[in-house]
Amino acid sequence: MEKVPYTDFVTTESLIEELLKNKEFKKAITRSNLYKFWKKVAGEKFADKSKPYSITYDKVMVVACKNAIVAQELTLRKLQILTSMQPYLKSLKINVKDLRFDAKKWINE
């Protein structure tokens, strides 16, 4: 990392460069970018009642849902949602094979 003369600080550019070398950090940023598209993929009706939670090791995206009714509705639309997600998944080079909707993962903010 490059230090700023006469200080204990490092430049922002060098700090970001170091962070981007970390494989787990890069993966987290990529997933975060995917999660930003959830509103477009799920639609306005479900955007506030569901949110991506995680992606498992076996490429299943877990979506937290406000309640079981929302989880059921989204489960019925799973194929449509997966189809809508494909352009985003391809551009971010993420492989998601399935979706799982879980009301137990919901956290009120």
N, C-alpha and C. Protein backbone atom coordinates (compact mmCIF):
# COMPACT_ATOMS: atom_id res chain seq x y z
N MET A 1 0.83 -1.18 0.00
CA MET A 1 0.00 0.00 0.00
C MET A 1 0.88 1.24 0.00
N GLU A 2 0.41 2.22 -0.69
CA GLU A 2 1.15 3.47 -0.84
C GLU A 2 0.78 4.43 0.28
N LYS A 3 1.79 4.89 1.03
CA LYS A 3 1.54 5.82 2.13
C LYS A 3 1.59 7.25 1.64
N VAL A 4 0.77 8.08 2.25
CA VAL A 4 0.77 9.51 1.96
C VAL A 4 1.93 10.12 2.75
N PRO A 5 2.79 10.92 2.11
CA PRO A 5 3.95 11.48 2.81
C PRO A 5 3.56 12.25 4.06
N TYR A 6 4.38 12.11 5.10
CA TYR A 6 4.24 12.83 6.38
C TYR A 6 2.98 12.48 7.15
N THR A 7 2.38 11.34 6.87
CA THR A 7 1.20 10.90 7.62
C THR A 7 1.27 9.40 7.81
N ASP A 8 0.32 8.89 8.57
CA ASP A 8 0.18 7.44 8.74
C ASP A 8 -0.90 6.88 7.82
N PHE A 9 -1.44 7.74 6.95
CA PHE A 9 -2.52 7.34 6.06
C PHE A 9 -2.01 6.63 4.82
N VAL A 10 -2.88 5.81 4.23
CA VAL A 10 -2.61 5.21 2.93
C VAL A 10 -3.62 5.78 1.95
N THR A 11 -3.29 5.79 0.68
CA THR A 11 -4.21 6.36 -0.30
C THR A 11 -5.42 5.46 -0.48
N THR A 12 -6.51 6.07 -0.84
CA THR A 12 -7.75 5.32 -1.07
C THR A 12 -7.57 4.32 -2.20
N GLU A 13 -6.89 4.74 -3.26
CA GLU A 13 -6.67 3.87 -4.41
C GLU A 13 -5.91 2.60 -4.02
N SER A 14 -4.88 2.77 -3.20
CA SER A 14 -4.09 1.60 -2.82
C SER A 14 -4.88 0.69 -1.88
N LEU A 15 -5.71 1.27 -1.04
CA LEU A 15 -6.55 0.47 -0.14
C LEU A 15 -7.55 -0.35 -0.94
N ILE A 16 -8.21 0.27 -1.92
CA ILE A 16 -9.17 -0.44 -2.76
C ILE A 16 -8.47 -1.53 -3.57
N GLU A 17 -7.30 -1.22 -4.06
CA GLU A 17 -6.53 -2.21 -4.82
C GLU A 17 -6.22 -3.44 -3.96
N GLU A 18 -5.85 -3.22 -2.72
CA GLU A 18 -5.57 -4.34 -1.81
C GLU A 18 -6.83 -5.15 -1.53
N LEU A 19 -7.95 -4.46 -1.31
CA LEU A 19 -9.20 -5.16 -1.03
C LEU A 19 -9.64 -6.01 -2.22
N LEU A 20 -9.47 -5.49 -3.43
CA LEU A 20 -9.90 -6.22 -4.62
C LEU A 20 -9.05 -7.44 -4.91
N LYS A 21 -7.90 -7.54 -4.29
CA LYS A 21 -7.07 -8.75 -4.43
C LYS A 21 -7.64 -9.90 -3.62
N ASN A 22 -8.45 -9.57 -2.63
CA ASN A 22 -9.06 -10.58 -1.77
C ASN A 22 -10.23 -11.22 -2.51
N LYS A 23 -10.15 -12.53 -2.72
CA LYS A 23 -11.16 -13.27 -3.48
C LYS A 23 -12.54 -13.20 -2.84
N GLU A 24 -12.62 -13.33 -1.53
CA GLU A 24 -13.90 -13.29 -0.83
C GLU A 24 -14.54 -11.90 -0.91
N PHE A 25 -13.73 -10.87 -0.87
CA PHE A 25 -14.23 -9.50 -0.98
C PHE A 25 -14.82 -9.27 -2.37
N LYS A 26 -14.12 -9.73 -3.40
CA LYS A 26 -14.63 -9.60 -4.78
C LYS A 26 -15.96 -10.33 -4.94
N LYS A 27 -16.05 -11.52 -4.35
CA LYS A 27 -17.28 -12.30 -4.43
C LYS A 27 -18.43 -11.57 -3.74
N ALA A 28 -18.15 -10.97 -2.59
CA ALA A 28 -19.17 -10.24 -1.85
C ALA A 28 -19.68 -9.03 -2.63
N ILE A 29 -18.78 -8.32 -3.30
CA ILE A 29 -19.18 -7.16 -4.09
C ILE A 29 -20.03 -7.60 -5.27
N THR A 30 -19.65 -8.68 -5.92
CA THR A 30 -20.41 -9.18 -7.06
C THR A 30 -21.81 -9.59 -6.64
N ARG A 31 -21.92 -10.29 -5.52
CA ARG A 31 -23.25 -10.69 -5.03
C ARG A 31 -24.07 -9.47 -4.63
N SER A 32 -23.44 -8.50 -4.04
CA SER A 32 -24.14 -7.28 -3.66
C SER A 32 -24.71 -6.59 -4.89
N ASN A 33 -23.94 -6.57 -5.96
CA ASN A 33 -24.44 -5.98 -7.22
C ASN A 33 -25.64 -6.75 -7.75
N LEU A 34 -25.60 -8.07 -7.65
CA LEU A 34 -26.74 -8.87 -8.08
C LEU A 34 -27.97 -8.55 -7.23
N TYR A 35 -27.79 -8.43 -5.95
CA TYR A 35 -28.91 -8.18 -5.03
C TYR A 35 -29.58 -6.83 -5.32
N LYS A 36 -28.83 -5.89 -5.87
CA LYS A 36 -29.40 -4.58 -6.20
C LYS A 36 -30.47 -4.68 -7.30
N PHE A 37 -30.40 -5.72 -8.11
CA PHE A 37 -31.35 -5.89 -9.19
C PHE A 37 -32.62 -6.63 -8.76
N TRP A 38 -32.71 -7.01 -7.51
CA TRP A 38 -33.84 -7.80 -7.04
C TRP A 38 -35.17 -7.10 -7.29
N LYS A 39 -35.23 -5.79 -7.08
CA LYS A 39 -36.48 -5.05 -7.27
C LYS A 39 -36.98 -5.19 -8.71
N LYS A 40 -36.06 -5.15 -9.66
CA LYS A 40 -36.46 -5.29 -11.07
C LYS A 40 -36.91 -6.71 -11.37
N VAL A 41 -36.25 -7.67 -10.77
CA VAL A 41 -36.53 -9.08 -11.05
C VAL A 41 -37.83 -9.52 -10.37
N ALA A 42 -38.01 -9.17 -9.10
CA ALA A 42 -39.18 -9.62 -8.35
C ALA A 42 -40.42 -8.79 -8.66
N GLY A 43 -40.22 -7.56 -9.07
CA GLY A 43 -41.35 -6.67 -9.34
C GLY A 43 -41.68 -5.81 -8.14
N GLU A 44 -42.37 -4.72 -8.40
CA GLU A 44 -42.73 -3.75 -7.35
C GLU A 44 -43.52 -4.40 -6.21
N LYS A 45 -44.41 -5.29 -6.56
CA LYS A 45 -45.29 -5.92 -5.56
C LYS A 45 -44.50 -6.66 -4.47
N PHE A 46 -43.39 -7.30 -4.87
CA PHE A 46 -42.63 -8.12 -3.93
C PHE A 46 -41.31 -7.49 -3.48
N ALA A 47 -40.97 -6.36 -4.04
CA ALA A 47 -39.67 -5.74 -3.75
C ALA A 47 -39.49 -5.40 -2.27
N ASP A 48 -40.55 -4.93 -1.62
CA ASP A 48 -40.46 -4.56 -0.20
C ASP A 48 -40.77 -5.72 0.74
N LYS A 49 -41.23 -6.82 0.18
CA LYS A 49 -41.61 -7.97 1.01
C LYS A 49 -40.65 -9.14 0.90
N SER A 50 -39.59 -8.94 0.12
CA SER A 50 -38.59 -10.00 -0.04
C SER A 50 -37.25 -9.36 -0.37
N LYS A 51 -36.18 -10.06 -0.02
CA LYS A 51 -34.85 -9.58 -0.36
C LYS A 51 -33.87 -10.75 -0.38
N PRO A 52 -32.91 -10.69 -1.28
CA PRO A 52 -31.92 -11.76 -1.34
C PRO A 52 -31.18 -11.87 -0.01
N TYR A 53 -30.94 -13.09 0.41
CA TYR A 53 -30.30 -13.34 1.70
C TYR A 53 -28.89 -13.90 1.51
N SER A 54 -28.76 -14.91 0.65
CA SER A 54 -27.45 -15.53 0.44
C SER A 54 -27.50 -16.43 -0.79
N ILE A 55 -26.33 -16.91 -1.17
CA ILE A 55 -26.22 -17.93 -2.21
C ILE A 55 -25.44 -19.08 -1.59
N THR A 56 -26.02 -20.26 -1.61
CA THR A 56 -25.40 -21.42 -0.98
C THR A 56 -24.29 -21.99 -1.86
N TYR A 57 -23.51 -22.89 -1.28
CA TYR A 57 -22.42 -23.52 -2.01
C TYR A 57 -22.90 -24.31 -3.23
N ASP A 58 -24.14 -24.79 -3.19
CA ASP A 58 -24.68 -25.54 -4.33
C ASP A 58 -25.49 -24.65 -5.27
N LYS A 59 -25.19 -23.33 -5.26
CA LYS A 59 -25.72 -22.35 -6.22
C LYS A 59 -27.22 -22.12 -6.12
N VAL A 60 -27.75 -22.17 -4.90
CA VAL A 60 -29.15 -21.86 -4.65
C VAL A 60 -29.20 -20.49 -3.97
N MET A 61 -29.95 -19.58 -4.56
CA MET A 61 -30.10 -18.26 -3.96
C MET A 61 -31.26 -18.30 -2.97
N VAL A 62 -30.95 -17.97 -1.72
CA VAL A 62 -31.96 -17.94 -0.67
C VAL A 62 -32.51 -16.52 -0.59
N VAL A 63 -33.82 -16.41 -0.62
CA VAL A 63 -34.48 -15.11 -0.57
C VAL A 63 -35.32 -15.05 0.71
N ALA A 64 -35.04 -14.04 1.54
CA ALA A 64 -35.82 -13.84 2.76
C ALA A 64 -37.15 -13.21 2.38
N CYS A 65 -38.22 -13.74 2.96
CA CYS A 65 -39.56 -13.24 2.66
C CYS A 65 -40.24 -12.78 3.95
N LYS A 66 -41.05 -11.75 3.82
CA LYS A 66 -41.71 -11.14 4.99
C LYS A 66 -42.61 -12.13 5.72
N ASN A 67 -43.26 -13.02 4.96
CA ASN A 67 -44.12 -14.03 5.58
C ASN A 67 -44.27 -15.22 4.63
N ALA A 68 -44.95 -16.24 5.09
CA ALA A 68 -45.11 -17.47 4.31
C ALA A 68 -45.94 -17.24 3.04
N ILE A 69 -46.85 -16.30 3.08
CA ILE A 69 -47.69 -16.03 1.90
C ILE A 69 -46.82 -15.48 0.77
N VAL A 70 -45.93 -14.57 1.10
CA VAL A 70 -45.02 -14.00 0.10
C VAL A 70 -44.11 -15.11 -0.44
N ALA A 71 -43.60 -15.95 0.45
CA ALA A 71 -42.75 -17.06 0.03
C ALA A 71 -43.48 -17.98 -0.94
N GLN A 72 -44.74 -18.27 -0.67
CA GLN A 72 -45.54 -19.13 -1.55
C GLN A 72 -45.77 -18.48 -2.90
N GLU A 73 -46.12 -17.20 -2.90
CA GLU A 73 -46.34 -16.47 -4.16
C GLU A 73 -45.07 -16.48 -5.02
N LEU A 74 -43.94 -16.21 -4.39
CA LEU A 74 -42.68 -16.18 -5.14
C LEU A 74 -42.29 -17.58 -5.62
N THR A 75 -42.60 -18.58 -4.85
CA THR A 75 -42.32 -19.96 -5.27
C THR A 75 -43.10 -20.29 -6.53
N LEU A 76 -44.32 -19.82 -6.61
CA LEU A 76 -45.13 -20.06 -7.81
C LEU A 76 -44.58 -19.31 -9.02
N ARG A 77 -43.83 -18.24 -8.78
CA ARG A 77 -43.25 -17.44 -9.86
C ARG A 77 -41.75 -17.73 -10.06
N LYS A 78 -41.27 -18.79 -9.47
CA LYS A 78 -39.84 -19.09 -9.48
C LYS A 78 -39.23 -19.13 -10.88
N LEU A 79 -39.85 -19.84 -11.78
CA LEU A 79 -39.32 -19.96 -13.14
C LEU A 79 -39.25 -18.60 -13.83
N GLN A 80 -40.29 -17.80 -13.66
CA GLN A 80 -40.32 -16.46 -14.24
C GLN A 80 -39.20 -15.59 -13.65
N ILE A 81 -38.97 -15.68 -12.36
CA ILE A 81 -37.93 -14.90 -11.70
C ILE A 81 -36.55 -15.34 -12.17
N LEU A 82 -36.33 -16.65 -12.24
CA LEU A 82 -35.04 -17.16 -12.72
C LEU A 82 -34.76 -16.70 -14.15
N THR A 83 -35.78 -16.70 -14.98
CA THR A 83 -35.63 -16.25 -16.37
C THR A 83 -35.28 -14.76 -16.41
N SER A 84 -35.93 -13.97 -15.58
CA SER A 84 -35.66 -12.53 -15.52
C SER A 84 -34.25 -12.23 -15.00
N MET A 85 -33.75 -13.11 -14.16
CA MET A 85 -32.42 -12.90 -13.56
C MET A 85 -31.27 -13.24 -14.51
N GLN A 86 -31.53 -14.04 -15.53
CA GLN A 86 -30.45 -14.53 -16.39
C GLN A 86 -29.53 -13.45 -16.95
N PRO A 87 -30.05 -12.35 -17.49
CA PRO A 87 -29.13 -11.32 -18.01
C PRO A 87 -28.19 -10.76 -16.94
N TYR A 88 -28.71 -10.58 -15.73
CA TYR A 88 -27.89 -10.07 -14.63
C TYR A 88 -26.85 -11.10 -14.19
N LEU A 89 -27.28 -12.35 -14.12
CA LEU A 89 -26.36 -13.42 -13.72
C LEU A 89 -25.22 -13.56 -14.72
N LYS A 90 -25.56 -13.49 -16.01
CA LYS A 90 -24.52 -13.62 -17.05
C LYS A 90 -23.55 -12.46 -17.01
N SER A 91 -24.06 -11.23 -16.87
CA SER A 91 -23.17 -10.08 -16.87
C SER A 91 -22.25 -10.06 -15.65
N LEU A 92 -22.71 -10.60 -14.52
CA LEU A 92 -21.88 -10.64 -13.31
C LEU A 92 -21.11 -11.95 -13.17
N LYS A 93 -21.34 -12.86 -14.11
CA LYS A 93 -20.68 -14.18 -14.11
C LYS A 93 -20.94 -14.95 -12.81
N ILE A 94 -22.22 -14.98 -12.44
CA ILE A 94 -22.66 -15.73 -11.26
C ILE A 94 -23.54 -16.87 -11.73
N ASN A 95 -23.38 -18.02 -11.13
CA ASN A 95 -24.17 -19.18 -11.47
C ASN A 95 -25.18 -19.46 -10.36
N VAL A 96 -26.45 -19.27 -10.65
CA VAL A 96 -27.53 -19.60 -9.71
C VAL A 96 -28.42 -20.61 -10.40
N LYS A 97 -28.55 -21.79 -9.78
CA LYS A 97 -29.34 -22.86 -10.38
C LYS A 97 -30.79 -22.89 -9.91
N ASP A 98 -31.02 -22.37 -8.70
CA ASP A 98 -32.37 -22.47 -8.13
C ASP A 98 -32.58 -21.33 -7.14
N LEU A 99 -33.84 -21.15 -6.74
CA LEU A 99 -34.20 -20.16 -5.74
C LEU A 99 -34.93 -20.86 -4.61
N ARG A 100 -34.69 -20.40 -3.39
CA ARG A 100 -35.42 -20.91 -2.23
C ARG A 100 -35.93 -19.71 -1.45
N PHE A 101 -37.21 -19.69 -1.18
CA PHE A 101 -37.85 -18.58 -0.50
C PHE A 101 -38.12 -18.99 0.94
N ASP A 102 -37.62 -18.19 1.89
CA ASP A 102 -37.64 -18.57 3.30
C ASP A 102 -38.14 -17.41 4.17
N ALA A 103 -39.29 -17.60 4.81
CA ALA A 103 -39.84 -16.57 5.68
C ALA A 103 -39.09 -16.47 7.00
N LYS A 104 -38.36 -17.51 7.38
CA LYS A 104 -37.62 -17.51 8.64
C LYS A 104 -36.39 -16.60 8.60
N LYS A 105 -35.92 -16.25 7.43
CA LYS A 105 -34.72 -15.44 7.28
C LYS A 105 -35.00 -13.94 7.33
N TRP A 106 -36.28 -13.56 7.32
CA TRP A 106 -36.65 -12.15 7.27
C TRP A 106 -36.23 -11.42 8.55
N ILE A 107 -35.63 -10.26 8.37
CA ILE A 107 -35.24 -9.42 9.50
C ILE A 107 -35.83 -8.03 9.24
N ASN A 108 -36.63 -7.56 10.18
CA ASN A 108 -37.20 -6.21 10.04
C ASN A 108 -36.13 -5.18 10.31
N GLU A 109 -36.06 -4.18 9.44
CA GLU A 109 -35.03 -3.14 9.60
C GLU A 109 -35.63 -1.85 10.08
